[in-house]
Amino acid sequence: MRTWYEPKLLTVLREGYGLRDLRADAIAGLTVAIVALPLSMAIAIASGVSPDRGLFTAIVGGFLVSLLGGSRYQIGGPAGAFIVLVAATVQAHGLDGLLLATMLSGLMLATLGLIRAGTFIRYMPYPVTVGFTGGIAVIIGASQLKDLLGLKLTGPEPGPLIPKLAALVHALPTANPMAIAVAVGVIVVILTLKRFKPLWPGMLIAVVLASVAAWGLHLPVETIGARFGHLAQGLEAPRLPALSLAKVQSVLPSALSFTLLGAIESLLSAVVADSMSGRRHRPDTELIAQGIANIGSALFGGIVVTGTIARTATNVRSGARGPIAGMLHAGFLLAFLVVAAPLAAYIPLAALAGLLALVAWNMAEKHEFATLIRASRADAAVLLTTFGLTLAKDLSTGIIAGFSLGALLFIHRMAKAVDVRGGDNAGEDDSEGFGPALTLDRDIATLKISGAFFFGATAQVGATLDAIGERPKGYILDLSDVQMMDSSGAAAMASFARNAARRGARVILTGADKPVRRALMLQGLVPPLVRFRSDPAAAARTLRRGGEDGVA
């Protein structure tokens, strides 16, 4: 019998894994590696580190995610969503600070998995997800304009969006037509192949063609070799980043941001794989694997690892049978690094900028954005708050603010859904227990409460109860349609019952299920303050004969 944290690899092997499965996984792994190769380097460069660190991330992190993860098809590696956070961390704390923040994030992610928080992380509101994804897409697109246009800045490129755009506009006279041509050519080739040859590796073909053209025609464009030199031909030896209490404290906000986004992005990617394959992932196992993968990536000089939606979807579409496809994808990337790393020096930076500009355009979820704007004012408010703060402030602020606003609006909607009706209305349906004799008895006030009676609804329900004007001798409160009651709702009921007792009126509660009755009793709603009966008719009989203590 499997445990809750069992990796999917063990499940697949236990079910039976043969040569045919291995062949399918090898083809899928090679296909994903071809997609991941240029993308990993492009994401690393955009994040402010050398391109080989993107490959370190895909190799070490991708292998560990597949080996230990809770999804059959998840592909781990560097992701475009992290470009903004990683670049800001490198700029503020240097490479060693980034590696330390990545390792701390790994510890946090693994802890979230161990305490089984994976299910709760998936409750992120959809408008928040679309909002921060759209914000990231805009920032990634803006970050690629310098290399895409071949601009020459007089100083360092600003990080914040508005100053960045102002600096880029100021540098427009330095634009390089050849860089623009290379970037546009890459975009055209990728889109053309996607349209007519969707199974071909369009990204890799476009980057290879751009590199051959730049080398063969001696185009005056900056290349990976010109900016970074030659890539390392193999993985770095594992080492711990510099550790000190002060350094940990300084990078902790970055680590928290990595953890928040990494958990959301990874589980979202796993959900996408589930929807495509009909399988179900194990969210807590996936978080543990993501945590270990980030620790491993940092030890080998890589950057943040997460589940990658596009590469995971490619893995599923390529016919993968299980996690071995992801492990082989990492092996193929390692083989490239060992054998062909010097060739990467000829890749024009404008080609990678064009590739990432296209990635940003596809990330933006434009149709979903427009749909949510029209859906409701509440969804639009959450979406625009998340999107705006992601652009104006940072990603963590946008997510936290959007999630908080979404939670408040949800509480407001749930509170409005709570209904308190008088017995005269409820009596229109005798099946609810309010017969004509009961509803016409002016000494008895009958009310039916429906919905979730929680802290957000206490003011509304309390005001309704207190507004009963005829000061009857007894109250019957039907709770049969109360779906849940928290301590705030029970406290409001207790306050009403005590006020009624001071006026000499008796209160009988009917139809309360066991969880609701327990919440009420914990707040002191026990005889003789209140009595419990099975239905309003039984409660009315108790009131007419003077009442007796007890619970029925």
Protein backbone atom coordinates (compact mmCIF):
# COMPACT_ATOMS: atom_id res chain seq x y z
CA MET A 1 0.00 0.00 0.00
CA ARG A 2 1.48 3.34 -1.04
CA THR A 3 2.01 6.27 1.32
CA TRP A 4 0.76 9.80 0.59
CA TYR A 5 4.27 11.04 -0.30
CA GLU A 6 5.19 8.22 -2.70
CA PRO A 7 6.78 9.53 -5.93
CA LYS A 8 4.91 8.74 -9.12
CA LEU A 9 8.01 6.98 -10.48
CA LEU A 10 7.50 4.15 -7.98
CA THR A 11 3.82 3.90 -8.94
CA VAL A 12 4.69 3.66 -12.65
CA LEU A 13 7.35 1.01 -12.05
CA ARG A 14 5.01 -1.01 -9.82
CA GLU A 15 2.32 -0.99 -12.51
CA GLY A 16 4.77 -2.53 -14.97
CA TYR A 17 7.29 -0.70 -17.15
CA GLY A 18 8.66 -2.32 -20.30
CA LEU A 19 10.87 -1.61 -23.30
CA ARG A 20 7.99 -0.08 -25.26
CA ASP A 21 7.38 2.40 -22.43
CA LEU A 22 11.08 3.26 -22.31
CA ARG A 23 11.13 3.89 -26.06
CA ALA A 24 8.12 6.24 -25.78
CA ASP A 25 9.70 8.08 -22.85
CA ALA A 26 13.00 8.44 -24.72
CA ILE A 27 11.25 10.07 -27.70
CA ALA A 28 9.25 12.38 -25.42
CA GLY A 29 12.35 13.26 -23.38
CA LEU A 30 14.33 14.16 -26.51
CA THR A 31 11.46 16.28 -27.82
CA VAL A 32 11.19 18.19 -24.54
CA ALA A 33 14.99 18.65 -24.38
CA ILE A 34 14.95 20.24 -27.85
CA VAL A 35 12.31 22.71 -26.63
CA ALA A 36 14.07 23.30 -23.29
CA LEU A 37 17.55 23.91 -24.73
CA PRO A 38 17.12 27.42 -26.20
CA LEU A 39 14.42 28.35 -23.70
CA SER A 40 16.55 27.54 -20.64
CA MET A 41 19.43 29.68 -21.94
CA ALA A 42 17.10 32.55 -22.88
CA ILE A 43 15.42 32.57 -19.45
CA ALA A 44 18.79 32.54 -17.69
CA ILE A 45 20.08 35.50 -19.72
CA ALA A 46 16.87 37.45 -19.12
CA SER A 47 17.22 36.67 -15.39
CA GLY A 48 20.65 38.32 -15.26
CA VAL A 49 22.84 35.19 -15.12
CA SER A 50 24.91 33.31 -17.70
CA PRO A 51 23.06 30.95 -20.07
CA ASP A 52 24.76 27.81 -18.76
CA ARG A 53 23.07 28.35 -15.37
CA GLY A 54 19.73 27.90 -17.10
CA LEU A 55 20.99 24.55 -18.38
CA PHE A 56 22.27 23.59 -14.90
CA THR A 57 18.77 24.29 -13.62
CA ALA A 58 17.03 22.20 -16.27
CA ILE A 59 19.48 19.31 -15.84
CA VAL A 60 19.68 19.02 -12.05
CA GLY A 61 16.26 20.44 -11.16
CA GLY A 62 14.48 18.71 -14.02
CA PHE A 63 15.98 15.33 -13.10
CA LEU A 64 15.02 15.61 -9.41
CA VAL A 65 11.48 16.85 -10.15
CA SER A 66 10.83 13.80 -12.32
CA LEU A 67 12.63 11.37 -10.00
CA LEU A 68 10.80 12.44 -6.81
CA GLY A 69 7.68 14.29 -8.00
CA GLY A 70 4.00 13.55 -7.62
CA SER A 71 3.12 13.97 -11.32
CA ARG A 72 3.78 11.49 -14.12
CA TYR A 73 4.49 14.19 -16.67
CA GLN A 74 5.83 17.27 -14.85
CA ILE A 75 8.94 18.82 -16.43
CA GLY A 76 10.98 20.98 -14.09
CA GLY A 77 13.37 23.76 -15.06
CA PRO A 78 13.77 27.52 -15.22
CA ALA A 79 10.51 29.34 -15.97
CA GLY A 80 9.71 32.69 -17.52
CA ALA A 81 7.48 33.58 -14.57
CA PHE A 82 10.59 33.85 -12.37
CA ILE A 83 12.59 36.17 -14.61
CA VAL A 84 11.50 39.30 -12.76
CA LEU A 85 12.14 37.88 -9.27
CA VAL A 86 15.47 36.26 -10.15
CA ALA A 87 16.78 39.37 -11.93
CA ALA A 88 15.85 41.57 -8.96
CA THR A 89 17.54 39.15 -6.54
CA VAL A 90 20.75 39.01 -8.60
CA GLN A 91 20.82 42.79 -8.83
CA ALA A 92 20.30 43.23 -5.06
CA HIS A 93 22.30 40.31 -3.64
CA GLY A 94 24.56 38.95 -6.38
CA LEU A 95 24.80 35.37 -7.62
CA ASP A 96 25.64 33.93 -4.19
CA GLY A 97 22.56 35.65 -2.74
CA LEU A 98 20.42 34.14 -5.51
CA LEU A 99 21.77 30.64 -4.82
CA LEU A 100 21.11 31.04 -1.09
CA ALA A 101 17.56 32.33 -1.71
CA THR A 102 16.93 29.38 -4.06
CA MET A 103 18.13 26.92 -1.42
CA LEU A 104 16.00 28.52 1.32
CA SER A 105 13.02 28.42 -1.02
CA GLY A 106 13.66 24.72 -1.55
CA LEU A 107 13.55 24.13 2.20
CA MET A 108 10.26 26.07 2.44
CA LEU A 109 8.66 24.19 -0.46
CA ALA A 110 9.65 20.82 1.01
CA THR A 111 8.22 21.91 4.36
CA LEU A 112 4.92 22.88 2.73
CA GLY A 113 4.74 19.41 1.23
CA LEU A 114 5.59 17.70 4.53
CA ILE A 115 2.82 19.57 6.37
CA ARG A 116 0.50 18.65 3.50
CA ALA A 117 -0.31 22.21 2.42
CA GLY A 118 -0.44 21.36 -1.29
CA THR A 119 -4.23 21.14 -1.40
CA PHE A 120 -4.66 24.62 0.07
CA ILE A 121 -2.23 26.30 -2.35
CA ARG A 122 -4.47 25.21 -5.23
CA TYR A 123 -7.23 27.48 -3.89
CA MET A 124 -5.67 30.53 -5.55
CA PRO A 125 -8.49 32.51 -7.26
CA TYR A 126 -8.39 32.32 -11.04
CA PRO A 127 -8.41 36.15 -11.53
CA VAL A 128 -5.26 36.35 -9.37
CA THR A 129 -3.51 33.73 -11.52
CA VAL A 130 -4.46 35.51 -14.76
CA GLY A 131 -3.54 38.89 -13.26
CA PHE A 132 -0.02 38.04 -12.14
CA THR A 133 0.64 35.97 -15.28
CA GLY A 134 -0.35 38.94 -17.42
CA GLY A 135 1.81 41.28 -15.34
CA ILE A 136 4.80 38.97 -15.66
CA ALA A 137 4.26 38.74 -19.42
CA VAL A 138 4.37 42.53 -19.77
CA ILE A 139 7.54 42.77 -17.67
CA ILE A 140 9.26 39.95 -19.59
CA GLY A 141 8.35 41.60 -22.91
CA ALA A 142 9.74 44.92 -21.71
CA SER A 143 12.94 43.25 -20.48
CA GLN A 144 13.64 41.88 -23.98
CA LEU A 145 13.31 45.18 -25.86
CA LYS A 146 16.96 46.14 -25.35
CA ASP A 147 18.38 43.02 -27.03
CA LEU A 148 15.51 42.70 -29.50
CA LEU A 149 16.18 46.22 -30.83
CA GLY A 150 19.94 46.09 -30.27
CA LEU A 151 19.87 49.24 -28.12
CA LYS A 152 22.92 50.78 -26.45
CA LEU A 153 22.20 52.26 -23.01
CA THR A 154 24.44 54.87 -21.39
CA GLY A 155 24.08 53.17 -18.00
CA PRO A 156 22.63 50.05 -16.37
CA GLU A 157 19.13 49.10 -17.50
CA PRO A 158 16.61 50.15 -14.80
CA GLY A 159 14.62 47.38 -13.10
CA PRO A 160 11.22 49.06 -12.52
CA LEU A 161 8.95 49.08 -15.57
CA ILE A 162 8.34 52.83 -16.06
CA PRO A 163 12.01 53.92 -15.68
CA LYS A 164 13.02 50.97 -17.89
CA LEU A 165 10.66 52.05 -20.68
CA ALA A 166 11.82 55.66 -20.35
CA ALA A 167 15.48 54.60 -20.72
CA LEU A 168 14.68 52.39 -23.71
CA VAL A 169 12.76 55.17 -25.46
CA HIS A 170 15.70 57.52 -24.85
CA ALA A 171 18.05 54.94 -26.45
CA LEU A 172 15.90 54.33 -29.56
CA PRO A 173 18.29 56.24 -31.88
CA THR A 174 20.90 53.52 -31.19
CA ALA A 175 18.67 50.71 -32.51
CA ASN A 176 20.45 48.06 -34.62
CA PRO A 177 18.46 47.13 -37.76
CA MET A 178 20.28 43.78 -38.04
CA ALA A 179 19.31 42.82 -34.46
CA ILE A 180 15.70 43.72 -35.22
CA ALA A 181 15.83 41.63 -38.41
CA VAL A 182 17.22 38.62 -36.53
CA ALA A 183 14.57 38.87 -33.78
CA VAL A 184 11.73 39.31 -36.27
CA GLY A 185 13.08 36.42 -38.34
CA VAL A 186 13.06 34.14 -35.29
CA ILE A 187 9.47 35.09 -34.47
CA VAL A 188 8.35 34.53 -38.08
CA VAL A 189 10.05 31.11 -38.32
CA ILE A 190 8.54 29.93 -35.01
CA LEU A 191 5.03 31.10 -35.95
CA THR A 192 5.30 29.65 -39.46
CA LEU A 193 6.44 26.24 -38.22
CA LYS A 194 3.76 26.25 -35.54
CA ARG A 195 1.16 26.87 -38.25
CA PHE A 196 2.34 24.42 -40.90
CA LYS A 197 4.62 21.96 -39.05
CA PRO A 198 3.41 21.96 -35.44
CA LEU A 199 5.38 18.81 -34.55
CA TRP A 200 8.71 20.34 -35.55
CA PRO A 201 10.88 22.01 -32.82
CA GLY A 202 10.24 25.54 -34.03
CA MET A 203 12.18 27.34 -31.27
CA LEU A 204 15.37 25.35 -31.79
CA ILE A 205 15.16 25.55 -35.59
CA ALA A 206 14.64 29.32 -35.48
CA VAL A 207 17.58 29.89 -33.11
CA VAL A 208 19.88 27.60 -35.16
CA LEU A 209 18.96 29.41 -38.39
CA ALA A 210 19.56 32.79 -36.77
CA SER A 211 22.94 31.64 -35.46
CA VAL A 212 24.03 30.27 -38.85
CA ALA A 213 22.91 33.49 -40.58
CA ALA A 214 24.69 35.72 -38.05
CA TRP A 215 27.91 33.67 -38.35
CA GLY A 216 27.82 33.12 -42.13
CA LEU A 217 26.89 36.70 -43.03
CA HIS A 218 29.02 38.30 -40.30
CA LEU A 219 26.04 40.26 -39.02
CA PRO A 220 26.90 43.03 -36.54
CA VAL A 221 24.84 41.59 -33.67
CA GLU A 222 25.86 40.67 -30.13
CA THR A 223 26.12 36.95 -29.40
CA ILE A 224 26.25 34.79 -26.28
CA GLY A 225 30.00 34.40 -26.77
CA ALA A 226 30.56 38.15 -27.03
CA ARG A 227 28.72 38.83 -23.75
CA PHE A 228 29.36 35.73 -21.66
CA GLY A 229 32.25 33.87 -23.29
CA HIS A 230 32.10 30.12 -23.79
CA LEU A 231 29.71 27.99 -21.73
CA ALA A 232 30.92 25.45 -19.22
CA GLN A 233 31.23 21.97 -20.75
CA GLY A 234 29.58 20.09 -17.88
CA LEU A 235 28.09 20.70 -14.47
CA GLU A 236 29.88 22.69 -11.81
CA ALA A 237 31.11 20.86 -8.73
CA PRO A 238 28.45 21.13 -6.01
CA ARG A 239 29.10 23.76 -3.36
CA LEU A 240 27.17 25.58 -0.66
CA PRO A 241 26.58 29.31 -1.15
CA ALA A 242 28.11 31.67 1.40
CA LEU A 243 26.12 31.39 4.63
CA SER A 244 25.66 33.92 7.40
CA LEU A 245 22.75 35.05 9.51
CA ALA A 246 22.83 38.52 7.97
CA LYS A 247 22.84 37.07 4.45
CA VAL A 248 19.93 34.74 5.24
CA GLN A 249 17.91 37.65 6.62
CA SER A 250 18.64 39.82 3.57
CA VAL A 251 17.57 37.19 1.00
CA LEU A 252 14.60 35.84 2.99
CA PRO A 253 12.00 38.07 1.22
CA SER A 254 13.25 36.77 -2.15
CA ALA A 255 13.09 33.19 -0.89
CA LEU A 256 9.51 33.70 0.26
CA SER A 257 8.58 35.11 -3.15
CA PHE A 258 10.23 32.15 -4.90
CA THR A 259 8.31 29.77 -2.63
CA LEU A 260 4.93 31.40 -3.19
CA LEU A 261 5.25 31.58 -6.96
CA GLY A 262 6.99 28.20 -7.21
CA ALA A 263 4.22 26.40 -5.35
CA ILE A 264 1.50 28.04 -7.44
CA GLU A 265 3.28 27.58 -10.78
CA SER A 266 4.26 23.95 -10.13
CA LEU A 267 0.83 22.81 -9.00
CA LEU A 268 -0.83 24.72 -11.84
CA SER A 269 1.46 22.93 -14.30
CA ALA A 270 0.60 19.57 -12.71
CA VAL A 271 -3.11 20.37 -13.01
CA VAL A 272 -2.62 21.14 -16.72
CA ALA A 273 -0.92 17.75 -17.15
CA ASP A 274 -3.81 16.08 -15.32
CA SER A 275 -6.38 17.70 -17.61
CA MET A 276 -4.46 16.57 -20.70
CA SER A 277 -3.79 13.00 -19.55
CA GLY A 278 -6.75 12.11 -17.33
CA ARG A 279 -4.35 11.32 -14.46
CA ARG A 280 -4.17 12.85 -10.97
CA HIS A 281 -1.03 14.23 -9.36
CA ARG A 282 -0.10 14.19 -5.67
CA PRO A 283 0.30 17.84 -4.68
CA ASP A 284 2.22 17.34 -1.44
CA THR A 285 4.67 14.91 -3.05
CA GLU A 286 5.13 17.43 -5.86
CA LEU A 287 5.97 20.22 -3.41
CA ILE A 288 8.53 18.04 -1.63
CA ALA A 289 10.14 17.22 -4.98
CA GLN A 290 10.17 20.88 -6.02
CA GLY A 291 11.85 21.75 -2.74
CA ILE A 292 14.58 19.11 -3.13
CA ALA A 293 15.05 20.13 -6.78
CA ASN A 294 15.65 23.76 -5.81
CA ILE A 295 18.19 22.74 -3.19
CA GLY A 296 19.95 20.53 -5.75
CA SER A 297 19.87 23.25 -8.42
CA ALA A 298 21.43 25.80 -6.04
CA LEU A 299 24.19 23.34 -5.05
CA PHE A 300 25.20 22.98 -8.71
CA GLY A 301 24.99 26.71 -9.50
CA GLY A 302 21.51 26.69 -11.03
CA ILE A 303 18.63 29.09 -10.46
CA VAL A 304 15.03 28.60 -9.34
CA VAL A 305 13.30 25.40 -10.47
CA THR A 306 9.56 25.05 -10.99
CA GLY A 307 7.10 23.05 -13.01
CA THR A 308 6.96 24.46 -16.55
CA ILE A 309 3.57 24.40 -18.24
CA ALA A 310 4.70 24.55 -21.89
CA ARG A 311 7.38 21.86 -21.52
CA THR A 312 5.08 19.66 -19.43
CA ALA A 313 2.35 19.95 -22.07
CA THR A 314 4.92 19.08 -24.77
CA ASN A 315 5.89 16.01 -22.75
CA VAL A 316 2.28 14.80 -22.60
CA ARG A 317 1.66 15.48 -26.29
CA SER A 318 4.87 13.63 -27.20
CA GLY A 319 3.52 10.39 -25.74
CA ALA A 320 5.42 10.18 -22.44
CA ARG A 321 4.48 7.21 -20.26
CA GLY A 322 5.90 8.40 -16.96
CA PRO A 323 8.57 10.35 -15.06
CA ILE A 324 11.45 8.62 -16.86
CA ALA A 325 10.76 10.93 -19.83
CA GLY A 326 11.59 13.93 -17.65
CA MET A 327 14.73 12.24 -16.33
CA LEU A 328 15.87 11.48 -19.89
CA HIS A 329 15.18 15.08 -20.92
CA ALA A 330 17.70 16.14 -18.27
CA GLY A 331 20.17 13.57 -19.58
CA PHE A 332 19.89 14.83 -23.16
CA LEU A 333 20.53 18.41 -21.98
CA LEU A 334 23.61 17.25 -20.07
CA ALA A 335 24.88 15.53 -23.21
CA PHE A 336 24.52 18.80 -25.16
CA LEU A 337 26.37 20.70 -22.43
CA VAL A 338 29.26 18.22 -22.50
CA VAL A 339 29.50 17.79 -26.28
CA ALA A 340 28.22 20.93 -27.99
CA ALA A 341 28.40 23.80 -25.46
CA PRO A 342 30.92 25.83 -27.54
CA LEU A 343 28.35 26.13 -30.34
CA ALA A 344 26.09 28.20 -28.06
CA ALA A 345 28.59 31.06 -28.25
CA TYR A 346 27.35 31.81 -31.81
CA ILE A 347 23.70 32.36 -30.80
CA PRO A 348 22.65 36.01 -31.28
CA LEU A 349 21.10 37.58 -28.19
CA ALA A 350 18.48 39.15 -30.47
CA ALA A 351 17.35 35.63 -31.44
CA LEU A 352 16.78 34.68 -27.81
CA ALA A 353 15.06 38.04 -27.21
CA GLY A 354 12.66 37.31 -30.07
CA LEU A 355 11.98 33.86 -28.64
CA LEU A 356 11.21 35.26 -25.17
CA ALA A 357 9.09 38.07 -26.62
CA LEU A 358 6.94 35.37 -28.22
CA VAL A 359 6.85 33.44 -24.92
CA ALA A 360 5.68 36.60 -23.14
CA TRP A 361 2.95 37.16 -25.74
CA ASN A 362 1.70 33.59 -25.28
CA MET A 363 1.88 33.89 -21.48
CA ALA A 364 -0.37 36.93 -21.38
CA GLU A 365 -3.65 34.92 -21.54
CA LYS A 366 -5.31 37.77 -23.40
CA HIS A 367 -8.63 36.01 -23.99
CA GLU A 368 -8.96 35.04 -20.31
CA PHE A 369 -8.05 38.60 -19.29
CA ALA A 370 -10.78 40.09 -21.46
CA THR A 371 -13.32 37.48 -20.30
CA LEU A 372 -12.68 38.22 -16.61
CA ILE A 373 -12.96 41.96 -17.19
CA ARG A 374 -16.48 41.36 -18.54
CA ALA A 375 -17.44 38.59 -16.08
CA SER A 376 -18.21 40.68 -12.99
CA ARG A 377 -17.03 43.76 -11.18
CA ALA A 378 -15.59 41.61 -8.39
CA ASP A 379 -13.49 39.47 -10.76
CA ALA A 380 -12.38 42.55 -12.67
CA ALA A 381 -11.33 44.28 -9.43
CA VAL A 382 -9.24 41.29 -8.31
CA LEU A 383 -7.70 40.88 -11.77
CA LEU A 384 -6.77 44.55 -12.21
CA THR A 385 -5.48 44.86 -8.65
CA THR A 386 -3.15 41.89 -9.12
CA PHE A 387 -2.08 42.99 -12.59
CA GLY A 388 -1.52 46.64 -11.62
CA LEU A 389 0.46 45.93 -8.44
CA THR A 390 2.58 43.31 -10.21
CA LEU A 391 3.61 46.01 -12.69
CA ALA A 392 3.86 48.92 -10.27
CA LYS A 393 5.33 47.18 -7.21
CA ASP A 394 6.35 43.52 -7.43
CA LEU A 395 4.93 40.06 -7.96
CA SER A 396 4.52 39.13 -4.28
CA THR A 397 2.61 42.33 -3.53
CA GLY A 398 0.33 41.71 -6.51
CA ILE A 399 -0.44 38.11 -5.50
CA ILE A 400 -1.02 38.90 -1.82
CA ALA A 401 -3.20 41.94 -2.56
CA GLY A 402 -5.20 40.10 -5.22
CA PHE A 403 -5.71 37.05 -3.02
CA SER A 404 -6.75 39.22 -0.05
CA LEU A 405 -9.22 41.22 -2.12
CA GLY A 406 -10.60 38.03 -3.66
CA ALA A 407 -11.07 36.51 -0.20
CA LEU A 408 -12.88 39.61 1.08
CA LEU A 409 -15.19 39.69 -1.93
CA PHE A 410 -15.91 35.98 -1.51
CA ILE A 411 -16.77 36.52 2.17
CA HIS A 412 -19.06 39.38 1.16
CA ARG A 413 -20.84 37.19 -1.41
CA MET A 414 -21.20 34.32 1.06
CA ALA A 415 -22.56 36.67 3.73
CA LYS A 416 -25.19 38.02 1.33
CA ALA A 417 -26.24 34.45 0.54
CA VAL A 418 -27.34 33.87 4.16
CA ASP A 419 -31.12 34.16 4.40
CA VAL A 420 -33.31 34.81 7.47
CA ARG A 421 -37.04 34.37 6.85
CA GLY A 422 -39.97 34.77 9.17
CA GLY A 423 -42.39 31.95 9.84
CA ASP A 424 -45.18 33.66 7.90
CA ASN A 425 -43.16 33.30 4.72
CA ALA A 426 -41.75 29.91 5.58
CA GLY A 427 -45.25 28.65 6.28
CA GLU A 428 -46.13 28.77 2.60
CA ASP A 429 -44.53 25.30 2.47
CA ASP A 430 -45.88 22.99 5.17
CA SER A 431 -43.04 20.56 4.45
CA GLU A 432 -40.73 22.95 6.26
CA GLY A 433 -42.61 22.36 9.49
CA PHE A 434 -44.38 25.73 9.71
CA GLY A 435 -48.08 24.94 9.76
CA PRO A 436 -50.80 27.65 9.74
CA ALA A 437 -51.44 27.26 13.47
CA LEU A 438 -47.82 27.95 14.21
CA THR A 439 -47.42 30.96 11.92
CA LEU A 440 -50.61 32.61 13.29
CA ASP A 441 -49.52 32.31 16.93
CA ARG A 442 -48.39 35.86 17.78
CA ASP A 443 -46.76 34.72 21.02
CA ILE A 444 -44.28 32.66 19.05
CA ALA A 445 -41.79 34.17 16.57
CA THR A 446 -40.61 31.64 13.99
CA LEU A 447 -37.58 32.18 11.81
CA LYS A 448 -35.66 30.01 9.38
CA ILE A 449 -31.93 30.64 8.79
CA SER A 450 -30.37 29.28 5.60
CA GLY A 451 -26.81 29.27 4.28
CA ALA A 452 -23.38 29.43 5.90
CA PHE A 453 -23.69 31.25 9.23
CA PHE A 454 -20.11 32.43 9.71
CA PHE A 455 -18.30 35.57 10.87
CA GLY A 456 -19.10 37.45 7.66
CA ALA A 457 -22.85 37.01 8.17
CA THR A 458 -23.15 37.65 11.92
CA ALA A 459 -23.97 41.35 11.58
CA GLN A 460 -26.74 40.70 9.04
CA VAL A 461 -28.33 37.81 10.93
CA GLY A 462 -27.90 39.49 14.32
CA ALA A 463 -29.60 42.67 13.10
CA THR A 464 -32.52 40.64 11.72
CA LEU A 465 -32.96 38.76 14.99
CA ASP A 466 -32.79 41.91 17.09
CA ALA A 467 -35.30 43.69 14.82
CA ILE A 468 -38.20 41.41 15.80
CA GLY A 469 -40.59 44.01 17.16
CA GLU A 470 -43.51 42.19 18.75
CA ARG A 471 -41.49 40.94 21.71
CA PRO A 472 -42.96 37.43 21.69
CA LYS A 473 -42.87 35.02 24.59
CA GLY A 474 -40.93 32.42 22.63
CA TYR A 475 -38.67 32.06 19.60
CA ILE A 476 -38.30 29.10 17.27
CA LEU A 477 -35.16 29.27 15.13
CA ASP A 478 -35.07 26.63 12.41
CA LEU A 479 -31.44 25.77 11.56
CA SER A 480 -32.11 22.80 9.29
CA ASP A 481 -30.75 24.65 6.24
CA VAL A 482 -27.66 26.08 7.96
CA GLN A 483 -24.79 24.48 6.02
CA MET A 484 -22.08 25.41 8.51
CA MET A 485 -21.65 27.59 11.59
CA ASP A 486 -18.40 28.93 12.98
CA SER A 487 -17.70 30.30 16.46
CA SER A 488 -18.70 33.85 15.42
CA GLY A 489 -22.11 32.66 14.23
CA ALA A 490 -22.58 30.62 17.40
CA ALA A 491 -21.57 33.63 19.52
CA ALA A 492 -24.17 35.77 17.75
CA MET A 493 -26.82 33.14 18.51
CA ALA A 494 -25.70 33.04 22.16
CA SER A 495 -25.98 36.83 22.43
CA PHE A 496 -29.52 36.73 21.02
CA ALA A 497 -30.54 33.90 23.37
CA ARG A 498 -29.25 35.77 26.44
CA ASN A 499 -31.09 38.95 25.42
CA ALA A 500 -34.28 36.91 24.98
CA ALA A 501 -33.80 35.29 28.40
CA ARG A 502 -33.51 38.73 30.05
CA ARG A 503 -36.91 39.60 28.54
CA GLY A 504 -38.38 36.34 29.84
CA ALA A 505 -38.67 34.78 26.37
CA ARG A 506 -37.68 31.20 25.66
CA VAL A 507 -35.60 30.11 22.63
CA ILE A 508 -35.85 26.73 20.92
CA LEU A 509 -33.48 25.68 18.13
CA THR A 510 -34.62 23.08 15.63
CA GLY A 511 -33.05 21.03 12.87
CA ALA A 512 -29.41 21.63 13.90
CA ASP A 513 -27.07 18.89 12.67
CA LYS A 514 -24.27 17.58 14.86
CA PRO A 515 -21.48 20.03 13.80
CA VAL A 516 -23.81 23.04 14.17
CA ARG A 517 -25.15 21.80 17.53
CA ARG A 518 -21.60 21.27 18.79
CA ALA A 519 -20.58 24.83 17.79
CA LEU A 520 -23.64 26.18 19.62
CA MET A 521 -23.01 24.17 22.78
CA LEU A 522 -19.38 25.31 22.92
CA GLN A 523 -20.72 28.88 23.14
CA GLY A 524 -22.93 27.97 26.10
CA LEU A 525 -26.17 27.37 24.21
CA VAL A 526 -27.42 24.57 26.46
CA PRO A 527 -30.53 24.15 28.63
CA PRO A 528 -32.01 26.10 30.25
CA LEU A 529 -30.77 28.99 28.05
CA VAL A 530 -32.03 27.22 24.92
CA ARG A 531 -33.61 23.92 24.04
CA PHE A 532 -33.15 21.75 20.96
CA ARG A 533 -36.01 20.09 19.14
CA SER A 534 -36.24 18.12 15.93
CA ASP A 535 -38.68 20.39 14.06
CA PRO A 536 -40.67 23.64 14.52
CA ALA A 537 -43.95 21.84 15.30
CA ALA A 538 -42.32 19.97 18.21
CA ALA A 539 -40.77 23.24 19.39
CA ALA A 540 -44.18 24.97 19.33
CA ARG A 541 -45.74 22.22 21.46
CA THR A 542 -42.93 22.66 24.01
CA LEU A 543 -43.52 26.42 24.20
CA ARG A 544 -47.31 26.10 24.59
CA ARG A 545 -47.10 23.71 27.50
CA GLY A 546 -44.61 25.88 29.33
CA GLY A 547 -41.35 24.16 28.21
CA GLU A 548 -39.14 21.71 30.00
CA ASP A 549 -35.39 21.31 30.07
CA GLY A 550 -33.75 18.83 27.78
CA VAL A 551 -32.39 18.16 24.37
CA ALA A 552 -34.32 16.23 21.75
